[in-house]
Protein backbone atom coordinates (compact mmCIF):
# COMPACT_ATOMS: atom_id res chain seq x y z
CA MET A 1 90.93 112.70 121.75
CA THR A 2 92.39 109.51 120.80
CA GLU A 3 95.65 108.24 122.77
CA ALA A 4 98.79 109.44 121.17
CA ILE A 5 100.43 106.82 118.25
CA PRO A 6 103.88 106.62 119.75
CA TRP A 7 105.27 106.04 116.13
CA ALA A 8 104.06 109.10 114.63
CA ASP A 9 105.64 111.93 113.48
CA ASP A 10 105.56 114.74 111.19
CA MET A 11 105.65 112.90 108.33
CA GLY A 12 102.49 110.41 109.09
CA PRO A 13 100.34 108.72 109.36
CA ALA A 14 97.97 110.31 108.04
CA LYS A 15 95.21 107.68 108.47
CA ILE A 16 94.77 104.35 110.62
CA ILE A 17 91.57 102.16 109.48
CA HIS A 18 90.52 99.08 111.25
CA VAL A 19 88.14 96.66 109.73
CA HIS A 20 86.10 94.08 112.16
CA GLU A 21 83.66 91.94 110.90
CA PRO A 22 83.28 88.82 113.41
CA SER A 23 80.69 87.09 111.15
CA LEU A 24 83.46 86.58 108.28
CA GLY A 25 86.48 86.26 110.67
CA LEU A 26 87.90 89.56 109.09
CA ASN A 27 90.13 91.33 111.04
CA ALA A 28 92.06 93.95 109.12
CA THR A 29 93.69 97.29 109.31
CA LEU A 30 94.99 100.07 106.54
CA VAL A 31 97.53 102.51 107.30
CA VAL A 32 97.86 105.31 105.54
CA ASP A 33 101.03 107.16 106.00
CA ASN A 34 101.57 110.26 103.64
CA VAL A 35 99.97 110.98 100.50
CA ALA A 36 101.84 114.18 99.52
CA ARG A 37 103.76 113.07 96.77
CA GLY A 38 100.21 111.16 95.38
CA PRO A 39 97.51 108.31 96.21
CA ALA A 40 99.24 105.60 98.28
CA ILE A 41 100.51 102.44 96.64
CA GLY A 42 101.22 99.24 99.12
CA GLY A 43 100.63 95.79 99.08
CA MET A 44 97.80 94.12 100.94
CA ARG A 45 99.70 91.46 103.63
CA MET A 46 98.15 88.02 104.59
CA ALA A 47 98.96 86.61 107.72
CA PRO A 48 97.83 85.01 111.00
CA ASP A 49 100.11 87.75 113.56
CA VAL A 50 99.99 90.58 111.86
CA THR A 51 99.64 94.00 114.02
CA THR A 52 98.82 97.43 113.40
CA ALA A 53 102.66 98.32 114.34
CA GLU A 54 104.01 96.22 111.64
CA CYS A 55 101.08 97.72 109.10
CA PHE A 56 103.11 101.10 109.90
CA ARG A 57 106.22 100.14 109.69
CA LEU A 58 105.75 98.89 106.05
CA ALA A 59 103.65 101.94 105.21
CA ARG A 60 106.80 104.14 106.35
CA ALA A 61 108.80 101.97 104.12
CA MET A 62 106.35 102.59 101.26
CA THR A 63 106.39 106.66 101.58
CA PHE A 64 110.49 106.07 101.49
CA LYS A 65 110.29 103.67 98.71
CA ASN A 66 108.06 105.04 96.06
CA ALA A 67 109.58 108.69 97.50
CA ALA A 68 113.40 107.18 96.68
CA ALA A 69 111.76 105.80 93.48
CA GLY A 70 110.62 109.32 92.53
CA LEU A 71 107.12 108.27 91.83
CA ALA A 72 104.09 109.75 92.13
CA HIS A 73 102.92 107.88 94.58
CA GLY A 74 102.91 107.77 98.52
CA GLY A 75 103.00 105.27 101.07
CA GLY A 76 100.57 102.94 102.49
CA LYS A 77 100.07 99.25 103.71
CA SER A 78 96.72 97.18 104.33
CA VAL A 79 97.20 93.75 106.65
CA LEU A 80 94.55 91.45 106.90
CA ALA A 81 94.88 89.05 109.97
CA ALA A 82 94.47 85.27 108.77
CA ASP A 83 96.00 82.05 107.40
CA PRO A 84 96.95 82.39 103.41
CA HIS A 85 96.80 79.27 102.84
CA MET A 86 93.17 78.82 104.10
CA PRO A 87 90.56 77.37 101.55
CA ARG A 88 90.25 79.38 98.34
CA ALA A 89 86.58 80.41 98.47
CA GLN A 90 87.06 81.54 102.27
CA LYS A 91 90.01 83.59 101.23
CA GLU A 92 88.39 84.93 98.14
CA ARG A 93 85.06 86.22 100.87
CA LEU A 94 87.64 87.80 103.19
CA ILE A 95 89.91 89.34 100.33
CA ARG A 96 86.48 90.94 98.86
CA ALA A 97 84.85 92.09 102.08
CA PHE A 98 88.03 93.80 103.41
CA ALA A 99 88.62 95.63 99.70
CA HIS A 100 84.58 96.24 100.28
CA ALA A 101 85.30 98.20 103.37
CA LEU A 102 88.06 99.87 101.63
CA ARG A 103 85.77 101.26 98.23
CA ASN A 104 86.21 104.78 99.79
CA GLU A 105 89.58 105.28 100.52
CA THR A 106 90.88 106.88 96.83
CA ASP A 107 94.19 107.64 98.85
CA TYR A 108 95.65 104.03 98.84
CA ILE A 109 95.66 101.81 95.84
CA PHE A 110 96.04 97.97 96.63
CA GLY A 111 99.05 96.01 95.89
CA PRO A 112 100.10 92.10 96.09
CA ASP A 113 102.41 91.03 99.19
CA MET A 114 103.37 88.26 101.34
CA GLY A 115 100.12 86.17 101.16
CA THR A 116 98.40 87.64 98.14
CA ASP A 117 98.73 87.62 94.50
CA GLU A 118 97.93 88.03 91.29
CA THR A 119 94.10 86.81 91.78
CA CYS A 120 94.06 88.25 94.79
CA MET A 121 94.35 91.61 93.08
CA ALA A 122 91.73 90.56 91.23
CA TRP A 123 89.28 90.27 93.68
CA VAL A 124 90.19 93.61 94.53
CA HIS A 125 89.85 95.20 90.94
CA ASP A 126 86.39 93.78 90.84
CA GLU A 127 85.00 94.73 93.91
CA ILE A 128 86.36 98.18 93.71
CA GLY A 129 88.55 98.89 90.39
CA ARG A 130 91.68 99.90 92.30
CA ALA A 131 94.71 97.67 92.65
CA VAL A 132 97.95 96.99 90.87
CA GLY A 133 99.48 93.40 90.16
CA LEU A 134 96.38 92.63 87.85
CA PRO A 135 97.09 88.90 85.98
CA ALA A 136 97.95 89.53 82.52
CA ALA A 137 94.45 88.71 81.25
CA LEU A 138 92.93 91.94 82.87
CA GLY A 139 95.62 94.07 81.29
CA GLY A 140 98.00 93.83 83.98
CA ILE A 141 101.74 93.13 84.84
CA PRO A 142 101.78 89.78 87.09
CA LEU A 143 104.79 91.55 89.18
CA ASP A 144 105.15 88.57 91.25
CA GLU A 145 104.73 86.32 88.40
CA ILE A 146 107.48 87.45 85.86
CA GLY A 147 109.68 88.82 89.59
CA ALA A 148 109.90 92.74 88.95
CA THR A 149 110.96 92.66 92.30
CA GLY A 150 114.22 90.16 92.21
CA TRP A 151 114.72 92.09 89.08
CA GLY A 152 115.54 94.91 90.80
CA VAL A 153 117.53 93.77 93.39
CA ARG A 154 119.53 92.17 90.77
CA HIS A 155 120.64 95.49 89.53
CA ALA A 156 120.93 96.55 93.24
CA ALA A 157 123.31 93.33 93.19
CA GLN A 158 125.64 94.93 90.56
CA ALA A 159 125.44 98.46 91.84
CA ALA A 160 127.01 97.18 95.44
CA ALA A 161 128.95 94.45 94.93
CA ARG A 162 131.22 97.47 93.25
CA HIS A 163 131.22 99.10 96.53
CA CYS A 164 131.92 95.58 98.60
CA GLY A 165 135.03 94.62 95.96
CA PHE A 166 133.44 91.68 94.20
CA ASN A 167 131.78 90.51 91.07
CA LEU A 168 128.87 88.66 90.77
CA ALA A 169 129.99 86.43 88.63
CA GLY A 170 131.14 83.81 91.33
CA ALA A 171 129.94 85.17 93.91
CA ARG A 172 127.95 83.14 96.23
CA VAL A 173 123.90 83.45 97.74
CA ALA A 174 121.98 82.27 100.15
CA VAL A 175 118.55 83.22 100.07
CA GLN A 176 116.12 83.14 103.33
CA GLY A 177 112.67 83.07 101.85
CA PHE A 178 112.35 80.72 98.56
CA GLY A 179 109.32 82.55 97.31
CA ALA A 180 108.06 85.12 94.47
CA VAL A 181 110.49 87.34 95.27
CA GLY A 182 113.66 84.96 96.41
CA ARG A 183 113.47 82.69 93.89
CA HIS A 184 113.56 85.38 91.41
CA ALA A 185 116.54 87.05 92.91
CA ALA A 186 118.03 84.01 92.60
CA ARG A 187 117.75 83.38 89.10
CA PHE A 188 118.82 86.79 87.74
CA LEU A 189 121.75 86.73 90.16
CA ALA A 190 122.62 83.26 88.76
CA GLU A 191 122.37 84.77 85.03
CA GLN A 192 125.15 87.06 85.91
CA GLY A 193 127.23 84.23 87.17
CA ALA A 194 126.56 83.77 91.07
CA LEU A 195 125.79 80.43 92.87
CA LEU A 196 122.64 79.87 94.70
CA VAL A 197 124.63 77.99 98.09
CA ALA A 198 121.22 77.91 100.52
CA ALA A 199 117.76 79.03 100.18
CA SER A 200 115.00 78.27 102.89
CA ASP A 201 111.58 78.37 103.49
CA THR A 202 108.99 77.56 106.18
CA GLN A 203 110.40 74.27 106.60
CA GLY A 204 114.04 74.15 106.64
CA THR A 205 117.03 75.07 104.88
CA LEU A 206 118.65 73.59 102.08
CA SER A 207 122.44 74.33 101.43
CA ASP A 208 125.02 73.06 99.02
CA ASP A 209 128.36 74.31 98.57
CA GLY A 210 128.86 73.22 94.84
CA GLY A 211 125.25 74.92 94.09
CA ILE A 212 121.85 74.18 94.09
CA ASP A 213 119.91 74.11 90.97
CA ILE A 214 117.35 77.20 91.02
CA ALA A 215 115.05 75.75 88.18
CA LYS A 216 114.75 72.47 89.78
CA LEU A 217 114.00 73.73 93.27
CA ALA A 218 111.76 76.39 91.52
CA ALA A 219 109.77 73.90 89.94
CA LEU A 220 109.57 71.87 93.60
CA LYS A 221 108.24 75.27 94.84
CA ASP A 222 105.56 75.20 92.14
CA GLN A 223 104.23 71.62 93.25
CA GLY A 224 103.46 72.79 96.27
CA LYS A 225 107.01 71.30 97.90
CA SER A 226 109.47 72.20 100.48
CA VAL A 227 112.86 73.18 99.73
CA MET A 228 113.45 70.54 101.67
CA ASP A 229 112.12 67.82 99.13
CA TYR A 230 115.07 68.79 96.83
CA PRO A 231 117.27 65.92 95.92
CA GLY A 232 120.43 66.54 97.39
CA GLY A 233 122.24 68.90 98.98
CA ALA A 234 122.23 69.12 103.32
CA LYS A 235 119.08 69.80 105.04
CA GLY A 236 118.73 72.09 108.39
CA GLY A 237 116.45 74.30 110.44
CA VAL A 238 114.67 77.36 109.40
CA ASP A 239 117.07 79.34 110.48
CA ALA A 240 120.51 77.76 109.62
CA VAL A 241 120.37 79.62 106.22
CA ILE A 242 121.69 82.28 108.72
CA ASP A 243 125.02 80.66 109.05
CA ALA A 244 125.66 79.71 105.40
CA ALA A 245 128.96 80.81 104.26
CA CYS A 246 128.56 83.65 101.23
CA ASP A 247 129.07 86.62 99.65
CA ILE A 248 125.24 87.66 99.49
CA TRP A 249 122.43 87.15 101.94
CA ILE A 250 118.85 88.09 100.69
CA PRO A 251 115.96 87.94 103.32
CA ALA A 252 112.98 87.95 101.29
CA ALA A 253 110.23 87.23 103.83
CA ARG A 254 109.09 88.30 107.05
CA PRO A 255 109.89 91.16 109.23
CA ASP A 256 112.91 91.32 111.97
CA VAL A 257 114.57 87.43 110.99
CA ILE A 258 117.71 89.29 111.68
CA ASN A 259 117.53 90.64 115.25
CA GLU A 260 119.89 91.47 118.09
CA ALA A 261 120.16 87.67 118.91
CA ASN A 262 121.47 86.26 115.56
CA ALA A 263 122.85 89.34 113.46
CA GLY A 264 126.38 88.28 114.94
CA ARG A 265 125.78 84.53 113.13
CA LEU A 266 125.40 86.23 109.75
CA GLN A 267 128.67 85.48 107.51
CA ALA A 268 128.14 87.39 104.45
CA ARG A 269 129.93 90.44 103.09
CA LEU A 270 126.79 91.90 101.33
CA MET A 271 122.70 92.42 102.52
CA LEU A 272 120.25 92.95 99.73
CA GLN A 273 116.84 93.48 101.77
CA GLY A 274 114.77 91.30 99.76
CA ALA A 275 112.04 91.98 102.16
CA ASN A 276 110.63 95.17 103.65
CA ILE A 277 111.61 95.43 107.46
CA PRO A 278 113.72 92.08 107.72
CA CYS A 279 116.05 93.69 110.10
CA THR A 280 115.62 95.16 113.44
CA ALA A 281 117.76 98.42 113.84
CA GLY A 282 120.06 97.09 116.27
CA ALA A 283 121.08 94.40 113.89
CA GLU A 284 121.51 96.21 110.99
CA GLN A 285 123.52 98.84 113.28
CA ALA A 286 125.72 95.80 113.88
CA LEU A 287 126.16 94.62 110.80
CA HIS A 288 127.24 98.22 109.60
CA GLU A 289 129.92 97.94 112.62
CA ARG A 290 130.83 94.65 111.03
CA GLY A 291 131.33 96.01 107.95
CA VAL A 292 129.08 94.12 106.12
CA LEU A 293 127.09 96.40 103.87
CA VAL A 294 123.39 96.46 104.07
CA VAL A 295 121.12 97.57 101.31
CA PRO A 296 117.82 98.98 102.76
CA ASP A 297 114.40 97.40 101.67
CA PHE A 298 113.28 100.62 100.12
CA ILE A 299 116.27 100.85 97.77
CA ALA A 300 116.71 96.96 97.15
CA ASN A 301 113.56 95.83 96.87
CA ALA A 302 111.88 98.44 94.84
CA GLY A 303 111.37 96.70 91.54
CA GLY A 304 107.97 95.43 92.61
CA VAL A 305 106.16 99.38 93.50
CA ILE A 306 107.88 100.66 90.27
CA CYS A 307 106.27 97.95 87.96
CA ALA A 308 103.08 98.29 89.35
CA ALA A 309 103.23 102.49 89.39
CA MET A 310 103.98 102.16 85.90
CA GLU A 311 101.29 99.53 85.46
CA TYR A 312 98.90 101.91 86.65
CA ARG A 313 99.31 104.34 84.27
CA GLY A 314 99.60 101.90 81.16
CA ALA A 315 102.88 101.28 81.22
CA THR A 316 104.50 97.59 79.18
CA GLN A 317 105.97 94.82 81.09
CA GLU A 318 109.04 95.85 78.73
CA ALA A 319 109.20 99.38 79.92
CA ALA A 320 108.71 98.63 83.50
CA PHE A 321 111.63 96.16 83.48
CA ALA A 322 113.77 99.18 81.95
CA ALA A 323 112.69 101.84 84.58
CA ILE A 324 113.36 99.30 87.74
CA ALA A 325 117.00 98.55 86.24
CA GLY A 326 117.88 102.27 85.92
CA LYS A 327 115.99 103.26 89.29
CA VAL A 328 116.90 100.90 91.12
CA ALA A 329 120.99 100.72 90.20
CA ALA A 330 121.34 104.48 90.43
CA ASN A 331 119.42 104.87 93.50
CA THR A 332 121.54 102.24 94.90
CA GLU A 333 124.71 103.83 94.01
CA ALA A 334 123.78 107.26 94.93
CA VAL A 335 122.22 106.03 98.59
CA LEU A 336 125.90 104.38 98.96
CA ASN A 337 127.84 107.19 97.55
CA LEU A 338 126.34 109.19 100.33
CA ALA A 339 127.17 106.62 103.02
CA ARG A 340 130.92 106.42 102.26
CA ASP A 341 130.96 110.22 101.99
CA GLN A 342 129.26 111.19 104.84
CA GLY A 343 130.56 108.41 107.27
CA VAL A 344 126.74 106.87 108.23
CA ALA A 345 125.18 103.92 107.57
CA PRO A 346 123.34 102.97 104.09
CA ARG A 347 119.84 103.27 105.91
CA ALA A 348 120.92 106.54 107.26
CA ALA A 349 121.76 107.77 103.90
CA ALA A 350 118.53 106.24 102.17
CA ILE A 351 116.22 107.74 105.05
CA GLN A 352 117.94 110.86 104.25
CA LEU A 353 117.30 110.95 100.14
CA ALA A 354 113.34 109.73 100.49
CA ALA A 355 112.71 112.07 103.31
CA ARG A 356 113.69 115.17 101.46
CA ARG A 357 111.92 114.23 98.50
CA VAL A 358 108.88 113.63 100.82
CA ARG A 359 109.13 116.78 102.60
CA GLU A 360 109.96 118.92 99.06
CA ALA A 361 106.54 117.46 98.26
CA MET A 362 104.82 118.21 101.67
CA ALA A 363 105.86 122.11 101.00
CA GLN A 364 103.57 121.95 98.04
CA ARG A 365 100.56 121.05 99.69
CA ARG A 366 97.84 122.83 101.81
CA PHE A 367 97.65 120.28 104.33
CA GLY A 368 100.89 118.63 104.28
CA ILE A 369 100.80 114.72 104.54
CA PHE A 370 97.21 114.66 102.97
């Protein structure tokens, strides 16, 4: 018998697989958390410091996310410990090898995540035929390119702003991580009249109380530049975005960027979690006690996986966007209403809703989580 997993419970994880091939420099992990609702969909994350514990937390978030969105999929996640900015040929070799190693793990469907994109999913699909978020040339819906997750964040924002007592028109927005999720969330919110006043990436923070030109900033990022290369505005350290005075604060990068040590610096009225697990539990509770409304990750950022699940079944981009708008808005409203009625934090209400759906599915399966 192996040592007990400290974070295991009645919902999972169903399976943990470590893939190690020293000759390739391949060190990766797959966590299939729960497939009671169907095969797991979850992104492949690539970063030098990923861990099995982080992979499990992300996989559990996917279990809840897929259940809350009403998808016929369970939760899983894969992580590859490597620099996503390595030479393309080396990156392709690692990803193809990882996919090949998991060729028989049919309970898991790869999707893009931090450090991976549509091209990476094309490599996975070529190896094993089991990936979503594919390039349009392969019949896919390139969810990062079109901003599927950001589209969902925009609809979560609309529902949540009403609970906070303000409108999106004129709302001041700060985005931590101006990448695939953050830039599109900012763009879609700006279309509703919101103003981007701060944005960060791995090089630093850009802020401008008069508003940042999102198209100009996105063009710089497309050229491989940083928010620090934006002409104008004030520049600060990477963590300076936490101090931005705003109505809406969107974490859209790494896990646990808001923790017990820095949560008190946040000046927003509303946090929309565009990233997965961007807050520690203690920090999120502290924000709730201060009256900051926090829409949890697996509610606010479900747009990407909704799009992926619909692509997997042959839906069009238009149908996917319509489904994202409807599902994310309805789920956000349901969670915030439940939290208000029960006097609990939104995450507690969201887990209650999602866990009930997972356990209802488990009750129909001969072996529960499998």
